[in-house]
N, C-alpha and C. Protein backbone atom coordinates (compact mmCIF):
# COMPACT_ATOMS: atom_id res chain seq x y z
N UNK A 1 -8.21 -25.99 1.18
CA UNK A 1 -7.19 -26.30 2.16
C UNK A 1 -5.89 -25.60 1.77
N UNK A 2 -5.22 -25.04 2.72
CA UNK A 2 -3.99 -24.28 2.48
C UNK A 2 -2.84 -25.23 2.13
N UNK A 3 -1.92 -24.71 1.35
CA UNK A 3 -0.73 -25.47 0.97
C UNK A 3 0.21 -25.52 2.17
N UNK A 4 0.46 -26.71 2.71
CA UNK A 4 1.28 -26.86 3.91
C UNK A 4 2.72 -27.25 3.61
N UNK A 5 3.07 -27.29 2.35
CA UNK A 5 4.44 -27.66 1.99
C UNK A 5 5.35 -26.44 2.16
N UNK A 6 6.47 -26.66 2.84
CA UNK A 6 7.43 -25.58 2.97
C UNK A 6 8.40 -25.62 1.78
N UNK A 7 9.32 -24.67 1.75
CA UNK A 7 10.26 -24.56 0.64
C UNK A 7 11.08 -25.83 0.45
N UNK A 8 11.47 -26.46 1.55
CA UNK A 8 12.25 -27.70 1.50
C UNK A 8 11.50 -28.78 0.72
N UNK A 9 10.24 -28.96 1.06
CA UNK A 9 9.43 -29.99 0.38
C UNK A 9 9.23 -29.65 -1.09
N UNK A 10 9.04 -28.39 -1.39
CA UNK A 10 8.89 -27.97 -2.80
C UNK A 10 10.17 -28.22 -3.57
N UNK A 11 11.33 -27.91 -2.94
CA UNK A 11 12.60 -28.18 -3.61
C UNK A 11 12.76 -29.66 -3.89
N UNK A 12 12.36 -30.47 -2.93
CA UNK A 12 12.47 -31.93 -3.07
C UNK A 12 11.62 -32.41 -4.24
N UNK A 13 10.39 -31.93 -4.31
CA UNK A 13 9.48 -32.32 -5.39
C UNK A 13 9.98 -31.87 -6.75
N UNK A 14 10.56 -30.67 -6.79
CA UNK A 14 11.02 -30.10 -8.06
C UNK A 14 12.42 -30.58 -8.46
N UNK A 15 13.04 -31.39 -7.60
CA UNK A 15 14.39 -31.88 -7.90
C UNK A 15 15.47 -30.83 -7.68
N UNK A 16 15.17 -29.81 -6.88
CA UNK A 16 16.12 -28.73 -6.62
C UNK A 16 16.85 -28.87 -5.30
N UNK A 17 16.48 -29.85 -4.50
CA UNK A 17 17.03 -29.96 -3.15
C UNK A 17 18.55 -30.09 -3.15
N UNK A 18 19.09 -30.96 -4.00
CA UNK A 18 20.54 -31.16 -4.03
C UNK A 18 21.28 -29.87 -4.38
N UNK A 19 20.75 -29.11 -5.33
CA UNK A 19 21.43 -27.86 -5.71
C UNK A 19 21.33 -26.83 -4.58
N UNK A 20 20.22 -26.80 -3.86
CA UNK A 20 20.06 -25.88 -2.73
C UNK A 20 21.00 -26.29 -1.59
N UNK A 21 21.12 -27.58 -1.33
CA UNK A 21 22.04 -28.05 -0.28
C UNK A 21 23.49 -27.75 -0.66
N UNK A 22 23.80 -27.82 -1.93
CA UNK A 22 25.16 -27.47 -2.41
C UNK A 22 25.44 -26.00 -2.16
N UNK A 23 24.47 -25.14 -2.41
CA UNK A 23 24.63 -23.71 -2.14
C UNK A 23 24.87 -23.49 -0.65
N UNK A 24 24.09 -24.17 0.18
CA UNK A 24 24.22 -24.05 1.63
C UNK A 24 25.60 -24.52 2.08
N UNK A 25 26.04 -25.66 1.54
CA UNK A 25 27.35 -26.20 1.89
C UNK A 25 28.47 -25.25 1.48
N UNK A 26 28.42 -24.74 0.27
CA UNK A 26 29.45 -23.82 -0.20
C UNK A 26 29.47 -22.55 0.63
N UNK A 27 28.30 -22.10 1.03
CA UNK A 27 28.21 -20.88 1.84
C UNK A 27 28.84 -21.08 3.21
N UNK A 28 28.47 -22.15 3.90
CA UNK A 28 28.96 -22.37 5.26
C UNK A 28 30.39 -22.89 5.32
N UNK A 29 30.93 -23.38 4.21
CA UNK A 29 32.34 -23.76 4.18
C UNK A 29 33.19 -22.62 3.61
N UNK A 30 32.55 -21.49 3.38
CA UNK A 30 33.19 -20.27 2.90
C UNK A 30 33.82 -20.43 1.53
N UNK A 31 33.26 -21.32 0.72
CA UNK A 31 33.73 -21.44 -0.67
C UNK A 31 33.07 -20.35 -1.52
N UNK A 32 31.82 -20.08 -1.23
CA UNK A 32 31.04 -19.08 -1.94
C UNK A 32 30.35 -18.19 -0.93
N UNK A 33 30.41 -16.92 -1.13
CA UNK A 33 29.67 -16.02 -0.25
C UNK A 33 29.43 -14.71 -0.99
N UNK A 34 28.43 -14.69 -1.83
CA UNK A 34 28.12 -13.48 -2.58
C UNK A 34 26.86 -12.80 -2.04
N UNK A 35 26.55 -13.03 -0.82
CA UNK A 35 25.35 -12.43 -0.25
C UNK A 35 24.91 -13.22 0.96
N UNK A 36 23.72 -12.93 1.40
CA UNK A 36 23.16 -13.64 2.54
C UNK A 36 22.58 -14.97 2.07
N UNK A 37 22.72 -15.99 2.89
CA UNK A 37 22.34 -17.34 2.49
C UNK A 37 20.88 -17.44 2.08
N UNK A 38 19.99 -16.81 2.80
CA UNK A 38 18.58 -16.94 2.45
C UNK A 38 18.26 -16.28 1.11
N UNK A 39 18.99 -15.23 0.76
CA UNK A 39 18.80 -14.63 -0.57
C UNK A 39 19.34 -15.55 -1.66
N UNK A 40 20.45 -16.21 -1.37
CA UNK A 40 21.06 -17.11 -2.36
C UNK A 40 20.15 -18.28 -2.71
N UNK A 41 19.40 -18.77 -1.71
CA UNK A 41 18.52 -19.91 -1.98
C UNK A 41 17.09 -19.48 -2.27
N UNK A 42 16.83 -18.19 -2.24
CA UNK A 42 15.55 -17.66 -2.69
C UNK A 42 14.42 -17.73 -1.68
N UNK A 43 14.72 -17.54 -0.39
CA UNK A 43 13.66 -17.51 0.63
C UNK A 43 13.89 -16.31 1.54
N UNK A 44 12.90 -16.01 2.37
CA UNK A 44 13.05 -14.91 3.32
C UNK A 44 13.90 -15.39 4.51
N UNK A 45 14.34 -14.45 5.30
CA UNK A 45 15.15 -14.79 6.48
C UNK A 45 14.34 -15.64 7.45
N UNK A 46 13.08 -15.27 7.66
CA UNK A 46 12.22 -16.03 8.59
C UNK A 46 12.01 -17.46 8.08
N UNK A 47 11.80 -17.61 6.79
CA UNK A 47 11.62 -18.95 6.20
C UNK A 47 12.90 -19.76 6.38
N UNK A 48 14.03 -19.13 6.16
CA UNK A 48 15.31 -19.82 6.33
C UNK A 48 15.47 -20.32 7.76
N UNK A 49 15.14 -19.51 8.74
CA UNK A 49 15.25 -19.92 10.14
C UNK A 49 14.31 -21.09 10.43
N UNK A 50 13.10 -21.06 9.89
CA UNK A 50 12.17 -22.18 10.08
C UNK A 50 12.68 -23.45 9.42
N UNK A 51 13.24 -23.33 8.23
CA UNK A 51 13.77 -24.50 7.52
C UNK A 51 14.90 -25.16 8.31
N UNK A 52 15.77 -24.34 8.90
CA UNK A 52 16.87 -24.89 9.69
C UNK A 52 16.34 -25.64 10.91
N UNK A 53 15.30 -25.11 11.52
CA UNK A 53 14.74 -25.77 12.71
C UNK A 53 14.02 -27.06 12.36
N UNK A 54 13.34 -27.09 11.24
CA UNK A 54 12.49 -28.23 10.88
C UNK A 54 13.22 -29.40 10.22
N UNK A 55 14.29 -29.13 9.50
CA UNK A 55 14.87 -30.17 8.64
C UNK A 55 16.29 -30.53 9.04
N UNK A 56 16.44 -31.75 9.49
CA UNK A 56 17.73 -32.29 9.94
C UNK A 56 18.77 -32.24 8.82
N UNK A 57 18.36 -32.50 7.60
CA UNK A 57 19.29 -32.54 6.47
C UNK A 57 19.97 -31.17 6.26
N UNK A 58 19.23 -30.11 6.48
CA UNK A 58 19.82 -28.77 6.36
C UNK A 58 20.81 -28.53 7.49
N UNK A 59 20.43 -28.88 8.71
CA UNK A 59 21.34 -28.72 9.85
C UNK A 59 22.60 -29.56 9.66
N UNK A 60 22.44 -30.78 9.17
CA UNK A 60 23.57 -31.66 8.91
C UNK A 60 24.49 -31.05 7.85
N UNK A 61 23.92 -30.52 6.78
CA UNK A 61 24.70 -29.90 5.71
C UNK A 61 25.52 -28.73 6.24
N UNK A 62 24.90 -27.91 7.08
CA UNK A 62 25.59 -26.77 7.67
C UNK A 62 26.75 -27.25 8.56
N UNK A 63 26.48 -28.24 9.40
CA UNK A 63 27.51 -28.76 10.31
C UNK A 63 28.69 -29.35 9.53
N UNK A 64 28.40 -30.11 8.50
CA UNK A 64 29.47 -30.71 7.69
C UNK A 64 30.28 -29.64 6.96
N UNK A 65 29.62 -28.61 6.48
CA UNK A 65 30.32 -27.53 5.78
C UNK A 65 31.25 -26.79 6.74
N UNK A 66 30.79 -26.58 7.97
CA UNK A 66 31.64 -25.92 8.96
C UNK A 66 32.85 -26.78 9.31
N UNK A 67 32.66 -28.11 9.40
CA UNK A 67 33.80 -29.01 9.65
C UNK A 67 34.79 -28.95 8.49
N UNK A 68 34.27 -28.93 7.27
CA UNK A 68 35.13 -28.85 6.08
C UNK A 68 35.93 -27.56 6.11
N UNK A 69 35.29 -26.46 6.43
CA UNK A 69 35.98 -25.18 6.49
C UNK A 69 37.10 -25.21 7.53
N UNK A 70 36.80 -25.78 8.69
CA UNK A 70 37.81 -25.89 9.75
C UNK A 70 39.00 -26.72 9.26
N UNK A 71 38.71 -27.83 8.60
CA UNK A 71 39.78 -28.70 8.10
C UNK A 71 40.62 -28.00 7.04
N UNK A 72 39.98 -27.27 6.13
CA UNK A 72 40.72 -26.54 5.10
C UNK A 72 41.62 -25.47 5.72
N UNK A 73 41.14 -24.82 6.77
CA UNK A 73 41.97 -23.83 7.45
C UNK A 73 43.17 -24.48 8.12
N UNK A 74 42.95 -25.62 8.75
CA UNK A 74 44.07 -26.33 9.40
C UNK A 74 45.10 -26.77 8.37
N UNK A 75 44.65 -27.22 7.21
CA UNK A 75 45.58 -27.61 6.14
C UNK A 75 46.37 -26.40 5.68
N UNK A 76 45.69 -25.28 5.52
CA UNK A 76 46.34 -24.05 5.08
C UNK A 76 47.38 -23.58 6.09
N UNK A 77 47.02 -23.60 7.38
CA UNK A 77 47.96 -23.18 8.42
C UNK A 77 49.14 -24.15 8.50
N UNK A 78 48.87 -25.44 8.29
CA UNK A 78 49.95 -26.43 8.30
C UNK A 78 50.92 -26.17 7.17
N UNK A 79 50.41 -25.89 6.00
CA UNK A 79 51.30 -25.57 4.86
C UNK A 79 52.15 -24.34 5.18
N UNK A 80 51.51 -23.36 5.79
CA UNK A 80 52.22 -22.13 6.14
C UNK A 80 53.29 -22.41 7.19
N UNK A 81 52.98 -23.27 8.14
CA UNK A 81 53.93 -23.60 9.20
C UNK A 81 55.15 -24.33 8.65
N UNK A 82 54.93 -25.20 7.69
CA UNK A 82 56.01 -26.02 7.14
C UNK A 82 56.81 -25.29 6.06
N UNK A 83 56.23 -24.28 5.47
CA UNK A 83 56.86 -23.63 4.32
C UNK A 83 56.48 -24.39 3.06
N UNK A 84 56.49 -23.69 1.94
CA UNK A 84 56.10 -24.37 0.70
C UNK A 84 56.65 -23.67 -0.52
N UNK A 85 56.75 -24.43 -1.59
CA UNK A 85 57.12 -23.89 -2.88
C UNK A 85 55.86 -23.58 -3.66
N UNK A 86 55.93 -22.54 -4.47
CA UNK A 86 54.83 -22.26 -5.38
C UNK A 86 55.42 -21.74 -6.68
N UNK A 87 54.62 -21.81 -7.72
CA UNK A 87 55.09 -21.41 -9.03
C UNK A 87 54.42 -20.12 -9.44
N UNK A 88 55.21 -19.14 -9.81
CA UNK A 88 54.71 -17.86 -10.27
C UNK A 88 54.90 -17.80 -11.78
N UNK A 89 53.86 -17.43 -12.50
CA UNK A 89 53.92 -17.37 -13.96
C UNK A 89 53.80 -15.92 -14.41
N UNK A 90 54.72 -15.52 -15.28
CA UNK A 90 54.68 -14.18 -15.85
C UNK A 90 54.62 -14.30 -17.36
N UNK A 91 53.78 -13.48 -17.96
CA UNK A 91 53.70 -13.44 -19.42
C UNK A 91 54.37 -12.16 -19.89
N UNK A 92 55.39 -12.32 -20.73
CA UNK A 92 56.13 -11.17 -21.25
C UNK A 92 55.82 -11.06 -22.74
N UNK A 93 55.39 -9.88 -23.14
CA UNK A 93 55.06 -9.65 -24.55
C UNK A 93 56.15 -8.77 -25.15
N UNK A 94 56.79 -9.29 -26.20
CA UNK A 94 57.87 -8.55 -26.87
C UNK A 94 57.43 -8.21 -28.29
N UNK A 95 57.73 -6.99 -28.69
CA UNK A 95 57.43 -6.58 -30.07
C UNK A 95 58.75 -6.33 -30.79
N UNK A 96 58.88 -6.96 -31.94
CA UNK A 96 60.06 -6.70 -32.76
C UNK A 96 59.68 -6.87 -34.22
N UNK A 97 60.06 -5.89 -35.04
CA UNK A 97 59.76 -5.89 -36.48
C UNK A 97 58.26 -6.05 -36.75
N UNK A 98 57.43 -5.44 -35.93
CA UNK A 98 55.99 -5.49 -36.14
C UNK A 98 55.34 -6.80 -35.70
N UNK A 99 56.09 -7.69 -35.17
CA UNK A 99 55.55 -8.96 -34.69
C UNK A 99 55.55 -8.97 -33.16
N UNK A 100 54.54 -9.60 -32.59
CA UNK A 100 54.49 -9.71 -31.13
C UNK A 100 54.76 -11.17 -30.75
N UNK A 101 55.60 -11.30 -29.75
CA UNK A 101 55.92 -12.61 -29.23
C UNK A 101 55.50 -12.66 -27.77
N UNK A 102 54.87 -13.75 -27.42
CA UNK A 102 54.51 -13.96 -26.01
C UNK A 102 55.50 -14.96 -25.43
N UNK A 103 56.04 -14.58 -24.32
CA UNK A 103 56.99 -15.45 -23.65
C UNK A 103 56.46 -15.69 -22.23
N UNK A 104 56.30 -16.94 -21.88
CA UNK A 104 55.81 -17.30 -20.55
C UNK A 104 56.99 -17.76 -19.72
N UNK A 105 57.18 -17.08 -18.59
CA UNK A 105 58.29 -17.39 -17.69
C UNK A 105 57.70 -17.93 -16.39
N UNK A 106 58.15 -19.12 -16.01
CA UNK A 106 57.70 -19.71 -14.75
C UNK A 106 58.85 -19.67 -13.76
N UNK A 107 58.54 -19.12 -12.60
CA UNK A 107 59.54 -19.00 -11.55
C UNK A 107 59.06 -19.75 -10.33
N UNK A 108 59.92 -20.65 -9.82
CA UNK A 108 59.57 -21.39 -8.61
C UNK A 108 60.07 -20.60 -7.41
N UNK A 109 59.15 -20.31 -6.48
CA UNK A 109 59.50 -19.53 -5.30
C UNK A 109 59.23 -20.34 -4.05
N UNK A 110 59.90 -19.97 -2.98
CA UNK A 110 59.75 -20.68 -1.71
C UNK A 110 59.33 -19.69 -0.63
N UNK A 111 58.31 -20.07 0.11
CA UNK A 111 57.90 -19.31 1.29
C UNK A 111 58.39 -20.10 2.49
N UNK A 112 59.25 -19.50 3.33
CA UNK A 112 59.76 -20.25 4.49
C UNK A 112 58.66 -20.52 5.51
N UNK A 113 58.88 -21.52 6.34
CA UNK A 113 57.92 -21.89 7.36
C UNK A 113 57.70 -20.77 8.37
N UNK A 114 56.52 -20.72 8.91
CA UNK A 114 56.15 -19.70 9.89
C UNK A 114 56.09 -20.34 11.27
N UNK A 115 56.98 -19.92 12.15
CA UNK A 115 57.05 -20.48 13.49
C UNK A 115 55.75 -20.23 14.25
N UNK A 116 55.17 -19.07 14.08
CA UNK A 116 53.91 -18.74 14.77
C UNK A 116 52.79 -19.69 14.39
N UNK A 117 52.71 -20.02 13.11
CA UNK A 117 51.68 -20.96 12.66
C UNK A 117 51.94 -22.35 13.25
N UNK A 118 53.22 -22.73 13.32
CA UNK A 118 53.56 -24.02 13.92
C UNK A 118 53.19 -24.08 15.39
N UNK A 119 53.50 -23.02 16.13
CA UNK A 119 53.15 -22.96 17.55
C UNK A 119 51.64 -23.04 17.75
N UNK A 120 50.92 -22.32 16.92
CA UNK A 120 49.46 -22.34 17.02
C UNK A 120 48.92 -23.75 16.82
N UNK A 121 49.40 -24.42 15.78
CA UNK A 121 48.92 -25.77 15.49
C UNK A 121 49.26 -26.74 16.61
N UNK A 122 50.47 -26.66 17.12
CA UNK A 122 50.85 -27.55 18.21
C UNK A 122 49.97 -27.35 19.44
N UNK A 123 49.76 -26.09 19.82
CA UNK A 123 48.96 -25.85 21.02
C UNK A 123 47.49 -26.16 20.78
N UNK A 124 47.00 -25.90 19.59
CA UNK A 124 45.58 -26.11 19.29
C UNK A 124 45.25 -27.59 19.09
N UNK A 125 46.10 -28.28 18.37
CA UNK A 125 45.81 -29.67 18.03
C UNK A 125 46.35 -30.68 19.04
N UNK A 126 47.39 -30.31 19.76
CA UNK A 126 48.03 -31.25 20.67
C UNK A 126 47.97 -30.80 22.12
N UNK A 127 47.12 -29.84 22.38
CA UNK A 127 46.77 -29.47 23.74
C UNK A 127 47.81 -28.75 24.55
N UNK A 128 47.64 -28.87 25.86
CA UNK A 128 48.46 -28.15 26.84
C UNK A 128 49.94 -28.49 26.72
N UNK A 129 50.23 -29.66 26.25
CA UNK A 129 51.62 -30.11 26.17
C UNK A 129 52.50 -29.07 25.46
N UNK A 130 51.95 -28.38 24.46
CA UNK A 130 52.72 -27.41 23.69
C UNK A 130 52.25 -25.97 23.89
N UNK A 131 51.38 -25.74 24.84
CA UNK A 131 50.87 -24.39 25.07
C UNK A 131 51.96 -23.51 25.68
N UNK A 132 52.05 -22.27 25.20
CA UNK A 132 53.06 -21.34 25.70
C UNK A 132 52.87 -21.05 27.18
N UNK A 133 51.66 -21.12 27.66
CA UNK A 133 51.34 -20.82 29.05
C UNK A 133 51.16 -22.08 29.88
N UNK A 134 51.87 -23.12 29.53
CA UNK A 134 51.74 -24.41 30.20
C UNK A 134 51.94 -24.30 31.71
N UNK A 135 52.98 -23.60 32.11
CA UNK A 135 53.28 -23.47 33.54
C UNK A 135 52.16 -22.73 34.27
N UNK A 136 51.66 -21.67 33.66
CA UNK A 136 50.58 -20.89 34.28
C UNK A 136 49.32 -21.74 34.42
N UNK A 137 49.03 -22.56 33.42
CA UNK A 137 47.86 -23.44 33.48
C UNK A 137 48.00 -24.46 34.62
N UNK A 138 49.21 -25.00 34.79
CA UNK A 138 49.44 -25.96 35.87
C UNK A 138 49.28 -25.30 37.24
N UNK A 139 49.80 -24.09 37.39
CA UNK A 139 49.67 -23.35 38.66
C UNK A 139 48.20 -23.08 38.95
N UNK A 140 47.47 -22.64 37.94
CA UNK A 140 46.04 -22.35 38.13
C UNK A 140 45.27 -23.61 38.51
N UNK A 141 45.61 -24.74 37.87
CA UNK A 141 44.93 -26.00 38.17
C UNK A 141 45.20 -26.43 39.61
N UNK A 142 46.47 -26.33 40.05
CA UNK A 142 46.83 -26.69 41.42
C UNK A 142 46.12 -25.79 42.42
N UNK A 143 46.08 -24.50 42.12
CA UNK A 143 45.41 -23.55 43.00
C UNK A 143 43.92 -23.87 43.12
N UNK A 144 43.32 -24.25 42.00
CA UNK A 144 41.90 -24.59 42.01
C UNK A 144 41.65 -25.86 42.81
N UNK A 145 42.52 -26.86 42.65
CA UNK A 145 42.36 -28.12 43.39
C UNK A 145 42.55 -27.92 44.89
N UNK A 146 43.47 -27.05 45.29
CA UNK A 146 43.72 -26.84 46.72
C UNK A 146 42.70 -25.89 47.35
N UNK A 147 41.94 -25.21 46.55
CA UNK A 147 40.95 -24.25 47.03
C UNK A 147 39.58 -24.90 47.21
N UNK A 148 39.55 -26.15 47.52
CA UNK A 148 38.30 -26.88 47.67
C UNK A 148 37.53 -26.34 48.87
N UNK A 149 36.29 -25.95 48.66
CA UNK A 149 35.46 -25.43 49.74
C UNK A 149 34.30 -26.38 49.97
N UNK A 150 34.01 -26.62 51.21
CA UNK A 150 32.87 -27.47 51.54
C UNK A 150 31.86 -26.60 52.27
N UNK A 151 30.68 -26.57 51.75
CA UNK A 151 29.63 -25.77 52.35
C UNK A 151 28.72 -26.68 53.14
N UNK A 152 28.49 -26.33 54.35
CA UNK A 152 27.59 -27.10 55.18
C UNK A 152 26.30 -26.31 55.32
N UNK A 153 25.29 -26.78 54.64
CA UNK A 153 24.01 -26.08 54.59
C UNK A 153 23.36 -26.06 55.98
N UNK A 154 23.46 -27.12 56.72
CA UNK A 154 22.85 -27.21 58.06
C UNK A 154 23.45 -26.20 59.03
N UNK A 155 24.74 -25.92 58.87
CA UNK A 155 25.42 -24.97 59.74
C UNK A 155 24.86 -23.57 59.58
N UNK A 156 24.54 -23.21 58.33
CA UNK A 156 23.98 -21.88 58.07
C UNK A 156 22.60 -21.74 58.69
N UNK A 157 21.82 -22.79 58.68
CA UNK A 157 20.48 -22.74 59.25
C UNK A 157 20.55 -22.58 60.77
N UNK A 158 21.51 -23.22 61.43
CA UNK A 158 21.66 -23.14 62.89
C UNK A 158 22.04 -21.72 63.29
N UNK A 159 22.97 -21.12 62.56
CA UNK A 159 23.43 -19.78 62.92
C UNK A 159 22.33 -18.75 62.73
N UNK A 160 21.43 -18.94 61.77
CA UNK A 160 20.33 -18.02 61.54
C UNK A 160 19.28 -18.13 62.64
N UNK A 161 19.09 -19.32 63.17
CA UNK A 161 18.05 -19.53 64.16
C UNK A 161 18.46 -19.05 65.55
N UNK A 162 19.74 -18.78 65.80
CA UNK A 162 20.19 -18.34 67.11
C UNK A 162 19.81 -16.95 67.45
């Protein structure tokens, strides 16, 4: 009898499933990407596609990783919109009388807020209320509502039969 266990089941039996799901999560949340996902987990592309179709846990892991990535991007854009301080460290090596001294200098720097990032977040997260094209969207919506067409199917049949 042929072996009917797929890679997922083998990973589960061998205790490798959690590490494989971690690789998948890191890949789809863009924490790690040193190649194609199926190569990273050691299967062919066709096997990878079958595993995604067959196993809910893999699909769930991918979906959660994508949500995490989206959230991390929103946090990053929010920081950029608000402006932030960061610390820059420089190591200075001085030589005097045949001795070397290492001096570490820490400099606190400020990146000012980015208005573009703020506008993007407002329109993306808080909808039309802050969209730059708010007026155009309202005009288009009104035009669509007033352009209501009613088709009378019976009328078309009568005109064809004449």
